[in-house]
C-alpha cells in the first residue's frame, strides 16, 4: 500500500512539472508572436 501511495505521489509531481513546462513553452511562443506582431506594425 505504501508503494502505491509513493507511485501516485511521484506521478502527481511529474504531471505538475509537465504542465508547468508546457505552460512555459506556450508563454514563450506567445511572447515571440507578440514581438513579430509588434515588428510588423512598425513597418
Protein backbone atom coordinates (compact mmCIF):
# COMPACT_ATOMS: atom_id res chain seq x y z
CA UNK A 1 0.00 0.00 0.00
CA UNK A 2 2.86 2.35 0.82
CA UNK A 3 4.49 1.77 -2.57
CA UNK A 4 1.24 2.58 -4.39
CA UNK A 5 0.94 5.85 -2.48
CA UNK A 6 4.56 6.68 -3.34
CA UNK A 7 3.99 5.94 -7.02
CA UNK A 8 0.85 8.08 -7.08
CA UNK A 9 2.67 10.95 -5.39
CA UNK A 10 5.54 10.68 -7.88
CA UNK A 11 3.12 10.62 -10.82
CA UNK A 12 1.34 13.69 -9.44
CA UNK A 13 4.62 15.60 -9.11
CA UNK A 14 5.65 14.65 -12.65
CA UNK A 15 2.26 15.69 -14.01
CA UNK A 16 2.57 19.08 -12.35
CA UNK A 17 6.09 19.53 -13.68
CA UNK A 18 4.90 18.62 -17.18
CA UNK A 19 2.06 21.11 -17.03
CA UNK A 20 4.38 23.88 -15.93
CA UNK A 21 6.80 23.05 -18.73
CA UNK A 22 4.07 23.09 -21.38
CA UNK A 23 2.68 26.31 -19.96
CA UNK A 24 6.14 27.89 -20.06
CA UNK A 25 6.64 26.89 -23.68
CA UNK A 26 3.24 28.32 -24.54
CA UNK A 27 4.13 31.61 -22.90
CA UNK A 28 7.44 31.75 -24.77
CA UNK A 29 5.69 31.16 -28.09
CA UNK A 30 3.12 33.81 -27.25
CA UNK A 31 5.84 36.34 -26.43
CA UNK A 32 7.64 35.51 -29.68
CA UNK A 33 4.43 36.04 -31.62
CA UNK A 34 3.88 39.35 -29.90
CA UNK A 35 7.37 40.52 -30.89
CA UNK A 36 6.69 39.57 -34.52
CA UNK A 37 3.33 41.32 -34.44
CA UNK A 38 4.87 44.48 -32.99
CA UNK A 39 7.61 44.44 -35.63
CA UNK A 40 5.01 44.08 -38.40
CA UNK A 41 3.03 47.04 -37.05
CA UNK A 42 6.12 49.26 -37.12
CA UNK A 43 6.64 48.74 -40.86
